[in-house]
Amino acid sequence: MQVYLDDGAGPGLVRVEVDKTEPKGAEPPRGATASVTITHMPDNCRGSMVVDATWPDGTVVQVEVPTCPDRPELPPAPPALTAEEAVRVAADPRWGVTMDRGLVAVGAREFPDPPVFG
């Protein structure tokens, strides 16, 4: 998923990816704490800052905060999130690879024929 955020300093892009890998050993409950890694790559505007949160159950949330300009002739865009904000997004325990059954049922009822792209 990607979104543009604008705090008044101009729009900045944020990408979030959620995946699940094999847990180490027996799959623990999700209630544990995430391990967070912050990577800064100042020479790479596509990955200026990347925050990875890895949960013991194998859930991985990656938040990318690129600073590439919308057009090549423009200067780099301001980062849409600070490192602290990106960590809060990545480490939020509500992220996951499944959705609540009730939410899925409401979505199916409200949007019975969603468009398919591709």
PDB file of N, CA and C in Angstrom:
ATOM      1  N   MET A   1       0.851  -1.144   0.000  1.00  0.00           N
ATOM      2  CA  MET A   1       0.000   0.000   0.000  1.00  0.00           C
ATOM      3  C   MET A   1       0.910   1.222   0.000  1.00  0.00           C
ATOM      4  N   GLN A   2       0.506   2.232  -0.715  1.00  0.00           N
ATOM      5  CA  GLN A   2       1.240   3.492  -0.639  1.00  0.00           C
ATOM      6  C   GLN A   2       0.262   4.648  -0.585  1.00  0.00           C
ATOM      7  N   VAL A   3       0.646   5.658   0.185  1.00  0.00           N
ATOM      8  CA  VAL A   3      -0.175   6.860   0.336  1.00  0.00           C
ATOM      9  C   VAL A   3       0.734   8.081   0.347  1.00  0.00           C
ATOM     10  N   TYR A   4       0.174   9.202  -0.064  1.00  0.00           N
ATOM     11  CA  TYR A   4       0.865  10.483   0.062  1.00  0.00           C
ATOM     12  C   TYR A   4       0.302  11.198   1.279  1.00  0.00           C
ATOM     13  N   LEU A   5       1.185  11.693   2.128  1.00  0.00           N
ATOM     14  CA  LEU A   5       0.795  12.465   3.299  1.00  0.00           C
ATOM     15  C   LEU A   5       1.322  13.878   3.139  1.00  0.00           C
ATOM     16  N   ASP A   6       0.545  14.856   3.590  1.00  0.00           N
ATOM     17  CA  ASP A   6       0.982  16.246   3.514  1.00  0.00           C
ATOM     18  C   ASP A   6       0.693  16.909   4.856  1.00  0.00           C
ATOM     19  N   ASP A   7       1.761  17.267   5.567  1.00  0.00           N
ATOM     20  CA  ASP A   7       1.611  17.934   6.853  1.00  0.00           C
ATOM     21  C   ASP A   7       1.708  19.449   6.713  1.00  0.00           C
ATOM     22  N   GLY A   8       1.606  19.934   5.478  1.00  0.00           N
ATOM     23  CA  GLY A   8       1.719  21.355   5.211  1.00  0.00           C
ATOM     24  C   GLY A   8       3.040  21.726   4.576  1.00  0.00           C
ATOM     25  N   ALA A   9       4.012  20.812   4.608  1.00  0.00           N
ATOM     26  CA  ALA A   9       5.331  21.067   4.012  1.00  0.00           C
ATOM     27  C   ALA A   9       5.421  20.488   2.605  1.00  0.00           C
ATOM     28  N   GLY A  10       4.319  19.981   2.096  1.00  0.00           N
ATOM     29  CA  GLY A  10       4.315  19.336   0.778  1.00  0.00           C
ATOM     30  C   GLY A  10       4.110  17.846   0.927  1.00  0.00           C
ATOM     31  N   PRO A  11       3.574  17.216  -0.104  1.00  0.00           N
ATOM     32  CA  PRO A  11       3.258  15.788  -0.008  1.00  0.00           C
ATOM     33  C   PRO A  11       4.515  14.921   0.014  1.00  0.00           C
ATOM     34  N   GLY A  12       4.451  13.877   0.793  1.00  0.00           N
ATOM     35  CA  GLY A  12       5.517  12.887   0.869  1.00  0.00           C
ATOM     36  C   GLY A  12       4.907  11.503   0.810  1.00  0.00           C
ATOM     37  N   LEU A  13       5.633  10.567   0.245  1.00  0.00           N
ATOM     38  CA  LEU A  13       5.136   9.212   0.027  1.00  0.00           C
ATOM     39  C   LEU A  13       5.495   8.298   1.194  1.00  0.00           C
ATOM     40  N   VAL A  14       4.589   7.379   1.515  1.00  0.00           N
ATOM     41  CA  VAL A  14       4.828   6.323   2.496  1.00  0.00           C
ATOM     42  C   VAL A  14       4.336   5.021   1.882  1.00  0.00           C
ATOM     43  N   ARG A  15       5.179   3.997   1.932  1.00  0.00           N
ATOM     44  CA  ARG A  15       4.781   2.667   1.462  1.00  0.00           C
ATOM     45  C   ARG A  15       4.796   1.726   2.661  1.00  0.00           C
ATOM     46  N   VAL A  16       3.767   0.871   2.754  1.00  0.00           N
ATOM     47  CA  VAL A  16       3.687  -0.123   3.820  1.00  0.00           C
ATOM     48  C   VAL A  16       3.467  -1.482   3.175  1.00  0.00           C
ATOM     49  N   GLU A  17       4.261  -2.445   3.598  1.00  0.00           N
ATOM     50  CA  GLU A  17       4.119  -3.819   3.107  1.00  0.00           C
ATOM     51  C   GLU A  17       4.033  -4.740   4.313  1.00  0.00           C
ATOM     52  N   VAL A  18       3.085  -5.668   4.270  1.00  0.00           N
ATOM     53  CA  VAL A  18       2.907  -6.628   5.355  1.00  0.00           C
ATOM     54  C   VAL A  18       3.067  -8.026   4.771  1.00  0.00           C
ATOM     55  N   ASP A  19       3.846  -8.858   5.444  1.00  0.00           N
ATOM     56  CA  ASP A  19       4.102 -10.215   4.969  1.00  0.00           C
ATOM     57  C   ASP A  19       4.188 -11.126   6.190  1.00  0.00           C
ATOM     58  N   LYS A  20       4.240 -12.390   5.932  1.00  0.00           N
ATOM     59  CA  LYS A  20       4.394 -13.341   7.029  1.00  0.00           C
ATOM     60  C   LYS A  20       5.417 -14.382   6.613  1.00  0.00           C
ATOM     61  N   THR A  21       6.418 -14.570   7.455  1.00  0.00           N
ATOM     62  CA  THR A  21       7.442 -15.584   7.240  1.00  0.00           C
ATOM     63  C   THR A  21       7.218 -16.698   8.248  1.00  0.00           C
ATOM     64  N   GLU A  22       7.982 -17.747   8.134  1.00  0.00           N
ATOM     65  CA  GLU A  22       7.873 -18.846   9.099  1.00  0.00           C
ATOM     66  C   GLU A  22       8.411 -18.381  10.452  1.00  0.00           C
ATOM     67  N   PRO A  23       7.644 -18.599  11.515  1.00  0.00           N
ATOM     68  CA  PRO A  23       8.158 -18.230  12.838  1.00  0.00           C
ATOM     69  C   PRO A  23       9.293 -19.168  13.234  1.00  0.00           C
ATOM     70  N   LYS A  24      10.114 -18.720  14.153  1.00  0.00           N
ATOM     71  CA  LYS A  24      11.191 -19.556  14.665  1.00  0.00           C
ATOM     72  C   LYS A  24      10.612 -20.462  15.741  1.00  0.00           C
ATOM     73  N   GLY A  25      10.616 -21.741  15.496  1.00  0.00           N
ATOM     74  CA  GLY A  25      10.041 -22.691  16.442  1.00  0.00           C
ATOM     75  C   GLY A  25       8.528 -22.704  16.339  1.00  0.00           C
ATOM     76  N   ALA A  26       7.859 -23.130  17.419  1.00  0.00           N
ATOM     77  CA  ALA A  26       6.395 -23.149  17.443  1.00  0.00           C
ATOM     78  C   ALA A  26       5.888 -21.719  17.336  1.00  0.00           C
ATOM     79  N   GLU A  27       4.800 -21.529  16.603  1.00  0.00           N
ATOM     80  CA  GLU A  27       4.291 -20.175  16.402  1.00  0.00           C
ATOM     81  C   GLU A  27       3.749 -19.604  17.707  1.00  0.00           C
ATOM     82  N   PRO A  28       4.390 -18.544  18.214  1.00  0.00           N
ATOM     83  CA  PRO A  28       3.922 -17.933  19.457  1.00  0.00           C
ATOM     84  C   PRO A  28       2.696 -17.064  19.193  1.00  0.00           C
ATOM     85  N   PRO A  29       1.977 -16.697  20.255  1.00  0.00           N
ATOM     86  CA  PRO A  29       0.848 -15.787  20.068  1.00  0.00           C
ATOM     87  C   PRO A  29       1.330 -14.420  19.598  1.00  0.00           C
ATOM     88  N   ARG A  30       0.447 -13.684  18.942  1.00  0.00           N
ATOM     89  CA  ARG A  30       0.809 -12.387  18.370  1.00  0.00           C
ATOM     90  C   ARG A  30       1.056 -11.313  19.431  1.00  0.00           C
ATOM     91  N   GLY A  31       0.668 -11.532  20.661  1.00  0.00           N
ATOM     92  CA  GLY A  31       0.754 -10.493  21.670  1.00  0.00           C
ATOM     93  C   GLY A  31       2.154 -10.087  22.083  1.00  0.00           C
ATOM     94  N   ALA A  32       3.172 -10.729  21.562  1.00  0.00           N
ATOM     95  CA  ALA A  32       4.552 -10.402  21.937  1.00  0.00           C
ATOM     96  C   ALA A  32       4.965  -9.052  21.342  1.00  0.00           C
ATOM     97  N   THR A  33       6.203  -8.659  21.564  1.00  0.00           N
ATOM     98  CA  THR A  33       6.729  -7.377  21.106  1.00  0.00           C
ATOM     99  C   THR A  33       7.487  -7.541  19.797  1.00  0.00           C
ATOM    100  N   ALA A  34       7.367  -6.558  18.919  1.00  0.00           N
ATOM    101  CA  ALA A  34       8.076  -6.579  17.638  1.00  0.00           C
ATOM    102  C   ALA A  34       9.520  -6.149  17.830  1.00  0.00           C
ATOM    103  N   SER A  35      10.392  -6.694  16.994  1.00  0.00           N
ATOM    104  CA  SER A  35      11.776  -6.249  16.910  1.00  0.00           C
ATOM    105  C   SER A  35      11.844  -5.257  15.755  1.00  0.00           C
ATOM    106  N   VAL A  36      12.366  -4.054  15.991  1.00  0.00           N
ATOM    107  CA  VAL A  36      12.334  -2.986  14.986  1.00  0.00           C
ATOM    108  C   VAL A  36      13.744  -2.638  14.536  1.00  0.00           C
ATOM    109  N   THR A  37      13.904  -2.501  13.218  1.00  0.00           N
ATOM    110  CA  THR A  37      15.162  -2.085  12.619  1.00  0.00           C
ATOM    111  C   THR A  37      14.905  -0.858  11.760  1.00  0.00           C
ATOM    112  N   ILE A  38      15.746   0.175  11.903  1.00  0.00           N
ATOM    113  CA  ILE A  38      15.638   1.382  11.090  1.00  0.00           C
ATOM    114  C   ILE A  38      16.879   1.457  10.209  1.00  0.00           C
ATOM    115  N   THR A  39      16.663   1.600   8.909  1.00  0.00           N
ATOM    116  CA  THR A  39      17.768   1.721   7.960  1.00  0.00           C
ATOM    117  C   THR A  39      17.649   3.056   7.243  1.00  0.00           C
ATOM    118  N   HIS A  40      18.742   3.830   7.253  1.00  0.00           N
ATOM    119  CA  HIS A  40      18.794   5.099   6.530  1.00  0.00           C
ATOM    120  C   HIS A  40      19.738   4.928   5.348  1.00  0.00           C
ATOM    121  N   MET A  41      19.276   5.308   4.166  1.00  0.00           N
ATOM    122  CA  MET A  41      20.097   5.251   2.958  1.00  0.00           C
ATOM    123  C   MET A  41      20.033   6.617   2.275  1.00  0.00           C
ATOM    124  N   PRO A  42      20.828   7.579   2.725  1.00  0.00           N
ATOM    125  CA  PRO A  42      20.719   8.941   2.197  1.00  0.00           C
ATOM    126  C   PRO A  42      21.039   9.059   0.706  1.00  0.00           C
ATOM    127  N   ASP A  43      21.788   8.112   0.156  1.00  0.00           N
ATOM    128  CA  ASP A  43      22.119   8.162  -1.273  1.00  0.00           C
ATOM    129  C   ASP A  43      21.099   7.451  -2.148  1.00  0.00           C
ATOM    130  N   ASN A  44      20.020   6.942  -1.545  1.00  0.00           N
ATOM    131  CA  ASN A  44      19.002   6.207  -2.291  1.00  0.00           C
ATOM    132  C   ASN A  44      17.642   6.807  -1.949  1.00  0.00           C
ATOM    133  N   CYS A  45      17.124   7.683  -2.802  1.00  0.00           N
ATOM    134  CA  CYS A  45      15.866   8.371  -2.471  1.00  0.00           C
ATOM    135  C   CYS A  45      14.684   7.408  -2.386  1.00  0.00           C
ATOM    136  N   ARG A  46      14.755   6.249  -3.038  1.00  0.00           N
ATOM    137  CA  ARG A  46      13.652   5.274  -2.957  1.00  0.00           C
ATOM    138  C   ARG A  46      13.607   4.590  -1.591  1.00  0.00           C
ATOM    139  N   GLY A  47      14.732   4.531  -0.931  1.00  0.00           N
ATOM    140  CA  GLY A  47      14.793   3.899   0.375  1.00  0.00           C
ATOM    141  C   GLY A  47      15.471   4.780   1.394  1.00  0.00           C
ATOM    142  N   SER A  48      15.178   6.067   1.356  1.00  0.00           N
ATOM    143  CA  SER A  48      15.819   7.020   2.271  1.00  0.00           C
ATOM    144  C   SER A  48      15.758   6.532   3.709  1.00  0.00           C
ATOM    145  N   MET A  49      14.592   6.041   4.102  1.00  0.00           N
ATOM    146  CA  MET A  49      14.434   5.454   5.429  1.00  0.00           C
ATOM    147  C   MET A  49      13.490   4.264   5.291  1.00  0.00           C
ATOM    148  N   VAL A  50      13.900   3.148   5.861  1.00  0.00           N
ATOM    149  CA  VAL A  50      13.079   1.935   5.866  1.00  0.00           C
ATOM    150  C   VAL A  50      13.029   1.428   7.299  1.00  0.00           C
ATOM    151  N   VAL A  51      11.816   1.182   7.775  1.00  0.00           N
ATOM    152  CA  VAL A  51      11.616   0.639   9.122  1.00  0.00           C
ATOM    153  C   VAL A  51      10.969  -0.730   8.977  1.00  0.00           C
ATOM    154  N   ASP A  52      11.612  -1.731   9.582  1.00  0.00           N
ATOM    155  CA  ASP A  52      11.087  -3.096   9.576  1.00  0.00           C
ATOM    156  C   ASP A  52      10.721  -3.494  10.996  1.00  0.00           C
ATOM    157  N   ALA A  53       9.504  -3.990  11.172  1.00  0.00           N
ATOM    158  CA  ALA A  53       9.070  -4.534  12.457  1.00  0.00           C
ATOM    159  C   ALA A  53       8.791  -6.015  12.243  1.00  0.00           C
ATOM    160  N   THR A  54       9.482  -6.861  12.986  1.00  0.00           N
ATOM    161  CA  THR A  54       9.336  -8.307  12.863  1.00  0.00           C
ATOM    162  C   THR A  54       8.769  -8.843  14.168  1.00  0.00           C
ATOM    163  N   TRP A  55       7.655  -9.563  14.043  1.00  0.00           N
ATOM    164  CA  TRP A  55       6.969 -10.110  15.209  1.00  0.00           C
ATOM    165  C   TRP A  55       7.370 -11.571  15.396  1.00  0.00           C
ATOM    166  N   PRO A  56       7.356 -12.065  16.633  1.00  0.00           N
ATOM    167  CA  PRO A  56       7.737 -13.461  16.872  1.00  0.00           C
ATOM    168  C   PRO A  56       6.897 -14.479  16.097  1.00  0.00           C
ATOM    169  N   ASP A  57       5.654 -14.124  15.738  1.00  0.00           N
ATOM    170  CA  ASP A  57       4.820 -15.073  14.992  1.00  0.00           C
ATOM    171  C   ASP A  57       5.144 -15.104  13.501  1.00  0.00           C
ATOM    172  N   GLY A  58       6.157 -14.316  13.067  1.00  0.00           N
ATOM    173  CA  GLY A  58       6.565 -14.303  11.668  1.00  0.00           C
ATOM    174  C   GLY A  58       6.008 -13.145  10.862  1.00  0.00           C
ATOM    175  N   THR A  59       5.126 -12.336  11.450  1.00  0.00           N
ATOM    176  CA  THR A  59       4.582 -11.180  10.738  1.00  0.00           C
ATOM    177  C   THR A  59       5.684 -10.127  10.597  1.00  0.00           C
ATOM    178  N   VAL A  60       5.826  -9.588   9.378  1.00  0.00           N
ATOM    179  CA  VAL A  60       6.821  -8.559   9.099  1.00  0.00           C
ATOM    180  C   VAL A  60       6.102  -7.356   8.493  1.00  0.00           C
ATOM    181  N   VAL A  61       6.325  -6.178   9.064  1.00  0.00           N
ATOM    182  CA  VAL A  61       5.754  -4.936   8.544  1.00  0.00           C
ATOM    183  C   VAL A  61       6.916  -4.033   8.145  1.00  0.00           C
ATOM    184  N   GLN A  62       6.910  -3.598   6.891  1.00  0.00           N
ATOM    185  CA  GLN A  62       7.962  -2.707   6.405  1.00  0.00           C
ATOM    186  C   GLN A  62       7.333  -1.377   6.010  1.00  0.00           C
ATOM    187  N   VAL A  63       7.904  -0.289   6.516  1.00  0.00           N
ATOM    188  CA  VAL A  63       7.463   1.059   6.180  1.00  0.00           C
ATOM    189  C   VAL A  63       8.623   1.748   5.470  1.00  0.00           C
ATOM    190  N   GLU A  64       8.398   2.139   4.219  1.00  0.00           N
ATOM    191  CA  GLU A  64       9.400   2.878   3.450  1.00  0.00           C
ATOM    192  C   GLU A  64       8.979   4.342   3.400  1.00  0.00           C
ATOM    193  N   VAL A  65       9.948   5.226   3.617  1.00  0.00           N
ATOM    194  CA  VAL A  65       9.698   6.667   3.549  1.00  0.00           C
ATOM    195  C   VAL A  65      10.671   7.245   2.519  1.00  0.00           C
ATOM    196  N   PRO A  66      10.309   7.150   1.231  1.00  0.00           N
ATOM    197  CA  PRO A  66      11.199   7.665   0.192  1.00  0.00           C
ATOM    198  C   PRO A  66      11.155   9.191   0.118  1.00  0.00           C
ATOM    199  N   THR A  67      12.182   9.763  -0.491  1.00  0.00           N
ATOM    200  CA  THR A  67      12.228  11.212  -0.678  1.00  0.00           C
ATOM    201  C   THR A  67      12.432  11.576  -2.142  1.00  0.00           C
ATOM    202  N   CYS A  68      12.154  10.644  -3.043  1.00  0.00           N
ATOM    203  CA  CYS A  68      12.303  10.936  -4.470  1.00  0.00           C
ATOM    204  C   CYS A  68      11.312  12.027  -4.863  1.00  0.00           C
ATOM    205  N   PRO A  69      11.743  12.955  -5.707  1.00  0.00           N
ATOM    206  CA  PRO A  69      10.806  13.989  -6.159  1.00  0.00           C
ATOM    207  C   PRO A  69       9.788  13.403  -7.129  1.00  0.00           C
ATOM    208  N   ASP A  70       8.652  14.087  -7.245  1.00  0.00           N
ATOM    209  CA  ASP A  70       7.630  13.645  -8.197  1.00  0.00           C
ATOM    210  C   ASP A  70       8.120  13.733  -9.638  1.00  0.00           C
ATOM    211  N   ARG A  71       8.981  14.706  -9.903  1.00  0.00           N
ATOM    212  CA  ARG A  71       9.559  14.869 -11.243  1.00  0.00           C
ATOM    213  C   ARG A  71      11.068  14.999 -11.083  1.00  0.00           C
ATOM    214  N   PRO A  72      11.843  14.463 -12.032  1.00  0.00           N
ATOM    215  CA  PRO A  72      13.309  14.452 -11.895  1.00  0.00           C
ATOM    216  C   PRO A  72      13.940  15.828 -11.721  1.00  0.00           C
ATOM    217  N   GLU A  73      13.326  16.862 -12.251  1.00  0.00           N
ATOM    218  CA  GLU A  73      13.936  18.199 -12.149  1.00  0.00           C
ATOM    219  C   GLU A  73      13.694  18.866 -10.799  1.00  0.00           C
ATOM    220  N   LEU A  74      12.876  18.254  -9.953  1.00  0.00           N
ATOM    221  CA  LEU A  74      12.574  18.823  -8.644  1.00  0.00           C
ATOM    222  C   LEU A  74      13.556  18.334  -7.589  1.00  0.00           C
ATOM    223  N   PRO A  75      13.745  19.100  -6.503  1.00  0.00           N
ATOM    224  CA  PRO A  75      14.608  18.625  -5.411  1.00  0.00           C
ATOM    225  C   PRO A  75      13.928  17.477  -4.675  1.00  0.00           C
ATOM    226  N   PRO A  76      14.669  16.759  -3.840  1.00  0.00           N
ATOM    227  CA  PRO A  76      14.050  15.664  -3.080  1.00  0.00           C
ATOM    228  C   PRO A  76      12.855  16.151  -2.275  1.00  0.00           C
ATOM    229  N   ALA A  77      11.867  15.289  -2.151  1.00  0.00           N
ATOM    230  CA  ALA A  77      10.661  15.607  -1.388  1.00  0.00           C
ATOM    231  C   ALA A  77      10.970  15.495   0.107  1.00  0.00           C
ATOM    232  N   PRO A  78      10.227  16.220   0.928  1.00  0.00           N
ATOM    233  CA  PRO A  78      10.439  16.059   2.369  1.00  0.00           C
ATOM    234  C   PRO A  78       9.940  14.680   2.801  1.00  0.00           C
ATOM    235  N   PRO A  79      10.591  14.067   3.791  1.00  0.00           N
ATOM    236  CA  PRO A  79      10.078  12.777   4.265  1.00  0.00           C
ATOM    237  C   PRO A  79       8.697  12.971   4.879  1.00  0.00           C
ATOM    238  N   ALA A  80       7.801  12.049   4.582  1.00  0.00           N
ATOM    239  CA  ALA A  80       6.424  12.159   5.068  1.00  0.00           C
ATOM    240  C   ALA A  80       6.302  11.819   6.546  1.00  0.00           C
ATOM    241  N   LEU A  81       7.241  11.030   7.068  1.00  0.00           N
ATOM    242  CA  LEU A  81       7.221  10.631   8.474  1.00  0.00           C
ATOM    243  C   LEU A  81       8.607  10.784   9.077  1.00  0.00           C
ATOM    244  N   THR A  82       8.648  11.079  10.356  1.00  0.00           N
ATOM    245  CA  THR A  82       9.908  11.028  11.091  1.00  0.00           C
ATOM    246  C   THR A  82      10.212   9.567  11.388  1.00  0.00           C
ATOM    247  N   ALA A  83      11.414   9.279  11.852  1.00  0.00           N
ATOM    248  CA  ALA A  83      11.766   7.910  12.224  1.00  0.00           C
ATOM    249  C   ALA A  83      10.836   7.405  13.332  1.00  0.00           C
ATOM    250  N   GLU A  84      10.553   8.258  14.305  1.00  0.00           N
ATOM    251  CA  GLU A  84       9.671   7.860  15.410  1.00  0.00           C
ATOM    252  C   GLU A  84       8.262   7.532  14.899  1.00  0.00           C
ATOM    253  N   GLU A  85       7.741   8.342  13.990  1.00  0.00           N
ATOM    254  CA  GLU A  85       6.410   8.081  13.433  1.00  0.00           C
ATOM    255  C   GLU A  85       6.401   6.793  12.623  1.00  0.00           C
ATOM    256  N   ALA A  86       7.442   6.564  11.819  1.00  0.00           N
ATOM    257  CA  ALA A  86       7.513   5.341  11.010  1.00  0.00           C
ATOM    258  C   ALA A  86       7.592   4.107  11.908  1.00  0.00           C
ATOM    259  N   VAL A  87       8.315   4.198  13.022  1.00  0.00           N
ATOM    260  CA  VAL A  87       8.382   3.080  13.969  1.00  0.00           C
ATOM    261  C   VAL A  87       7.009   2.817  14.565  1.00  0.00           C
ATOM    262  N   ARG A  88       6.297   3.873  14.927  1.00  0.00           N
ATOM    263  CA  ARG A  88       4.950   3.695  15.496  1.00  0.00           C
ATOM    264  C   ARG A  88       4.019   3.016  14.502  1.00  0.00           C
ATOM    265  N   VAL A  89       4.131   3.364  13.217  1.00  0.00           N
ATOM    266  CA  VAL A  89       3.299   2.722  12.195  1.00  0.00           C
ATOM    267  C   VAL A  89       3.686   1.252  12.050  1.00  0.00           C
ATOM    268  N   ALA A  90       4.981   0.978  11.877  1.00  0.00           N
ATOM    269  CA  ALA A  90       5.439  -0.392  11.639  1.00  0.00           C
ATOM    270  C   ALA A  90       5.166  -1.312  12.826  1.00  0.00           C
ATOM    271  N   ALA A  91       5.326  -0.806  14.049  1.00  0.00           N
ATOM    272  CA  ALA A  91       5.196  -1.635  15.239  1.00  0.00           C
ATOM    273  C   ALA A  91       3.774  -1.692  15.783  1.00  0.00           C
ATOM    274  N   ASP A  92       2.821  -1.140  15.069  1.00  0.00           N
ATOM    275  CA  ASP A  92       1.426  -1.189  15.515  1.00  0.00           C
ATOM    276  C   ASP A  92       0.936  -2.637  15.425  1.00  0.00           C
ATOM    277  N   PRO A  93       0.475  -3.221  16.522  1.00  0.00           N
ATOM    278  CA  PRO A  93       0.078  -4.633  16.512  1.00  0.00           C
ATOM    279  C   PRO A  93      -1.177  -4.934  15.693  1.00  0.00           C
ATOM    280  N   ARG A  94      -1.841  -3.921  15.182  1.00  0.00           N
ATOM    281  CA  ARG A  94      -3.046  -4.172  14.378  1.00  0.00           C
ATOM    282  C   ARG A  94      -2.724  -4.655  12.974  1.00  0.00           C
ATOM    283  N   TRP A  95      -1.471  -4.494  12.496  1.00  0.00           N
ATOM    284  CA  TRP A  95      -1.113  -4.993  11.173  1.00  0.00           C
ATOM    285  C   TRP A  95      -1.116  -6.510  11.192  1.00  0.00           C
ATOM    286  N   GLY A  96      -1.515  -7.101  10.089  1.00  0.00           N
ATOM    287  CA  GLY A  96      -1.482  -8.558   9.959  1.00  0.00           C
ATOM    288  C   GLY A  96      -1.835  -8.966   8.545  1.00  0.00           C
ATOM    289  N   VAL A  97      -1.691 -10.246   8.271  1.00  0.00           N
ATOM    290  CA  VAL A  97      -1.965 -10.748   6.924  1.00  0.00           C
ATOM    291  C   VAL A  97      -3.378 -11.298   6.786  1.00  0.00           C
ATOM    292  N   THR A  98      -4.148 -11.267   7.865  1.00  0.00           N
ATOM    293  CA  THR A  98      -5.544 -11.691   7.803  1.00  0.00           C
ATOM    294  C   THR A  98      -6.417 -10.549   8.293  1.00  0.00           C
ATOM    295  N   MET A  99      -7.691 -10.629   7.975  1.00  0.00           N
ATOM    296  CA  MET A  99      -8.634  -9.602   8.410  1.00  0.00           C
ATOM    297  C   MET A  99      -9.702 -10.229   9.286  1.00  0.00           C
ATOM    298  N   ASP A 100     -10.228  -9.436  10.199  1.00  0.00           N
ATOM    299  CA  ASP A 100     -11.314  -9.863  11.065  1.00  0.00           C
ATOM    300  C   ASP A 100     -12.504 -10.311  10.217  1.00  0.00           C
ATOM    301  N   ARG A 101     -13.106 -11.459  10.554  1.00  0.00           N
ATOM    302  CA  ARG A 101     -14.235 -11.994   9.781  1.00  0.00           C
ATOM    303  C   ARG A 101     -15.398 -11.006   9.677  1.00  0.00           C
ATOM    304  N   GLY A 102     -15.672 -10.289  10.754  1.00  0.00           N
ATOM    305  CA  GLY A 102     -16.764  -9.314  10.736  1.00  0.00           C
ATOM    306  C   GLY A 102     -16.496  -8.189   9.756  1.00  0.00           C
ATOM    307  N   LEU A 103     -15.251  -7.716   9.707  1.00  0.00           N
ATOM    308  CA  LEU A 103     -14.878  -6.663   8.765  1.00  0.00           C
ATOM    309  C   LEU A 103     -15.009  -7.148   7.323  1.00  0.00           C
ATOM    310  N   VAL A 104     -14.598  -8.383   7.068  1.00  0.00           N
ATOM    311  CA  VAL A 104     -14.720  -8.958   5.723  1.00  0.00           C
ATOM    312  C   VAL A 104     -16.195  -9.070   5.329  1.00  0.00           C
ATOM    313  N   ALA A 105     -17.051  -9.493   6.255  1.00  0.00           N
ATOM    314  CA  ALA A 105     -18.476  -9.626   5.965  1.00  0.00           C
ATOM    315  C   ALA A 105     -19.107  -8.277   5.648  1.00  0.00           C
ATOM    316  N   VAL A 106     -18.766  -7.251   6.428  1.00  0.00           N
ATOM    317  CA  VAL A 106     -19.283  -5.900   6.173  1.00  0.00           C
ATOM    318  C   VAL A 106     -18.797  -5.408   4.811  1.00  0.00           C
ATOM    319  N   GLY A 107     -17.530  -5.612   4.501  1.00  0.00           N
ATOM    320  CA  GLY A 107     -16.990  -5.197   3.208  1.00  0.00           C
ATOM    321  C   GLY A 107     -17.686  -5.885   2.047  1.00  0.00           C
ATOM    322  N   ALA A 108     -17.941  -7.178   2.185  1.00  0.00           N
ATOM    323  CA  ALA A 108     -18.628  -7.925   1.118  1.00  0.00           C
ATOM    324  C   ALA A 108     -20.052  -7.413   0.923  1.00  0.00           C
ATOM    325  N   ARG A 109     -20.695  -7.048   2.020  1.00  0.00           N
ATOM    326  CA  ARG A 109     -22.063  -6.532   1.932  1.00  0.00           C
ATOM    327  C   ARG A 109     -22.086  -5.128   1.328  1.00  0.00           C
ATOM    328  N   GLU A 110     -21.160  -4.271   1.759  1.00  0.00           N
ATOM    329  CA  GLU A 110     -21.119  -2.883   1.299  1.00  0.00           C
ATOM    330  C   GLU A 110     -20.585  -2.746  -0.126  1.00  0.00           C
ATOM    331  N   PHE A 111     -19.671  -3.620  -0.506  1.00  0.00           N
ATOM    332  CA  PHE A 111     -19.021  -3.553  -1.818  1.00  0.00           C
ATOM    333  C   PHE A 111     -19.083  -4.928  -2.476  1.00  0.00           C
ATOM    334  N   PRO A 112     -20.259  -5.342  -2.945  1.00  0.00           N
ATOM    335  CA  PRO A 112     -20.413  -6.702  -3.476  1.00  0.00           C
ATOM    336  C   PRO A 112     -19.659  -6.959  -4.787  1.00  0.00           C
ATOM    337  N   ASP A 113     -19.399  -5.920  -5.577  1.00  0.00           N
ATOM    338  CA  ASP A 113     -18.736  -6.092  -6.866  1.00  0.00           C
ATOM    339  C   ASP A 113     -17.585  -5.086  -7.006  1.00  0.00           C
ATOM    340  N   PRO A 114     -16.506  -5.258  -6.233  1.00  0.00           N
ATOM    341  CA  PRO A 114     -15.397  -4.301  -6.343  1.00  0.00           C
ATOM    342  C   PRO A 114     -14.708  -4.428  -7.703  1.00  0.00           C
ATOM    343  N   PRO A 115     -14.172  -3.331  -8.206  1.00  0.00           N
ATOM    344  CA  PRO A 115     -13.465  -3.400  -9.491  1.00  0.00           C
ATOM    345  C   PRO A 115     -12.189  -4.222  -9.344  1.00  0.00           C
ATOM    346  N   VAL A 116     -11.800  -4.885 -10.405  1.00  0.00           N
ATOM    347  CA  VAL A 116     -10.570  -5.651 -10.443  1.00  0.00           C
ATOM    348  C   VAL A 116      -9.653  -5.040 -11.480  1.00  0.00           C
ATOM    349  N   PHE A 117      -8.453  -4.698 -11.076  1.00  0.00           N
ATOM    350  CA  PHE A 117      -7.492  -4.088 -11.978  1.00  0.00           C
ATOM    351  C   PHE A 117      -6.427  -5.104 -12.333  1.00  0.00           C
ATOM    352  N   GLY A 118      -5.987  -5.042 -13.581  1.00  0.00           N
ATOM    353  CA  GLY A 118      -4.871  -5.903 -13.961  1.00  0.00           C
ATOM    354  C   GLY A 118      -5.151  -6.918 -14.932  1.00  0.00           C
TER     355      GLY A 118
END
